[in-house]
Amino acid sequence: MELLSQDEISARLAELGGWEQQGNALHRDFEFKDFTEAFGFMAQVACISERLFHHPEWSNVWNKVSISITNHSKGGITDLDFDFAKRVNAVAGD
């Protein structure tokens, strides 16, 4: 898996709702009606992470979940990060 160029990242982000580039990672903040909904979302994202063997940096405060994903072994953003983000968006209903 190769690193994507800045042009490739920009083009893909234009097609991927809600995500932005923060340094060498893709990032998105999610907000839910309450903690239970946020925690349920996190459980689904954990399953995605395990299937892809690609794990995010994330945090949860009550009804908010923040996710950053990067390919640490490659030192930046790859196809795998975009695959992860698309699957997370599907779970979120986007």
Protein backbone atom coordinates (compact mmCIF):
# COMPACT_ATOMS: atom_id res chain seq x y z
CA MET A 1 0.00 0.00 0.00
CA GLU A 2 1.50 3.29 -1.13
CA LEU A 3 1.04 6.79 0.24
CA LEU A 4 -1.41 8.93 -1.69
CA SER A 5 -0.28 12.21 -3.20
CA GLN A 6 -1.75 15.46 -1.93
CA ASP A 7 -3.73 15.79 -5.16
CA GLU A 8 -5.19 12.29 -4.72
CA ILE A 9 -6.09 13.02 -1.08
CA SER A 10 -7.79 16.31 -2.01
CA ALA A 11 -9.79 14.69 -4.82
CA ARG A 12 -10.96 11.83 -2.61
CA LEU A 13 -11.86 14.13 0.28
CA ALA A 14 -14.10 16.09 -2.09
CA GLU A 15 -16.11 12.88 -2.56
CA LEU A 16 -16.06 11.81 1.10
CA GLY A 17 -18.57 13.64 3.27
CA GLY A 18 -17.50 15.03 6.62
CA TRP A 19 -13.82 14.08 6.65
CA GLU A 20 -10.87 16.46 6.47
CA GLN A 21 -7.14 16.14 6.38
CA GLN A 22 -5.31 16.96 9.59
CA GLY A 23 -1.60 16.54 9.01
CA ASN A 24 -0.94 12.96 7.93
CA ALA A 25 -4.39 11.70 8.92
CA LEU A 26 -8.04 11.80 7.95
CA HIS A 27 -10.25 13.24 10.69
CA ARG A 28 -13.94 13.51 11.41
CA ASP A 29 -16.07 14.52 14.40
CA PHE A 30 -19.45 12.85 14.93
CA GLU A 31 -22.28 13.93 17.22
CA PHE A 32 -25.13 11.72 18.42
CA LYS A 33 -28.25 12.23 20.50
CA ASP A 34 -26.70 10.69 23.64
CA PHE A 35 -23.90 8.56 25.05
CA THR A 36 -25.61 5.26 24.28
CA GLU A 37 -25.91 6.10 20.59
CA ALA A 38 -22.28 7.29 20.47
CA PHE A 39 -21.07 4.13 22.22
CA GLY A 40 -23.07 1.91 19.85
CA PHE A 41 -21.46 3.70 16.91
CA MET A 42 -18.03 3.12 18.43
CA ALA A 43 -18.76 -0.60 18.79
CA GLN A 44 -19.61 -0.79 15.09
CA VAL A 45 -16.46 1.14 14.16
CA ALA A 46 -14.42 -1.23 16.33
CA CYS A 47 -15.71 -4.13 14.20
CA ILE A 48 -14.70 -2.29 11.02
CA SER A 49 -11.25 -1.70 12.51
CA GLU A 50 -10.80 -5.37 13.31
CA ARG A 51 -11.98 -6.50 9.85
CA LEU A 52 -9.52 -4.13 8.16
CA PHE A 53 -6.83 -4.58 10.85
CA HIS A 54 -6.59 -0.81 10.76
CA HIS A 55 -7.18 1.01 14.02
CA PRO A 56 -8.00 4.69 14.55
CA GLU A 57 -7.02 7.18 17.16
CA TRP A 58 -10.32 8.21 18.67
CA SER A 59 -12.01 9.77 21.65
CA ASN A 60 -15.48 9.94 23.10
CA VAL A 61 -17.03 12.58 25.34
CA TRP A 62 -20.70 11.94 26.08
CA ASN A 63 -22.40 12.21 22.67
CA LYS A 64 -19.34 13.13 20.60
CA VAL A 65 -16.86 10.83 18.89
CA SER A 66 -13.70 12.10 17.17
CA ILE A 67 -11.80 9.79 14.82
CA SER A 68 -8.41 10.18 13.17
CA ILE A 69 -7.01 7.49 10.89
CA THR A 70 -3.61 7.18 9.25
CA ASN A 71 -1.34 4.43 8.07
CA HIS A 72 1.41 4.60 10.70
CA SER A 73 3.63 2.05 8.96
CA LYS A 74 3.58 4.13 5.76
CA GLY A 75 3.72 7.49 7.53
CA GLY A 76 0.60 9.01 6.02
CA ILE A 77 -2.68 8.53 4.17
CA THR A 78 -3.29 5.48 1.96
CA ASP A 79 -6.21 3.77 0.23
CA LEU A 80 -6.84 1.85 3.44
CA ASP A 81 -7.62 5.07 5.30
CA PHE A 82 -10.22 6.04 2.72
CA ASP A 83 -11.71 2.53 2.80
CA PHE A 84 -12.01 2.84 6.58
CA ALA A 85 -13.59 6.32 6.35
CA LYS A 86 -16.16 5.19 3.75
CA ARG A 87 -17.19 2.26 5.94
CA VAL A 88 -17.47 4.51 8.99
CA ASN A 89 -19.64 6.93 7.02
CA ALA A 90 -21.93 4.04 6.07
CA VAL A 91 -22.34 3.12 9.74
CA ALA A 92 -23.11 6.77 10.52
CA GLY A 93 -25.76 6.81 7.79
CA ASP A 94 -23.86 9.12 5.44
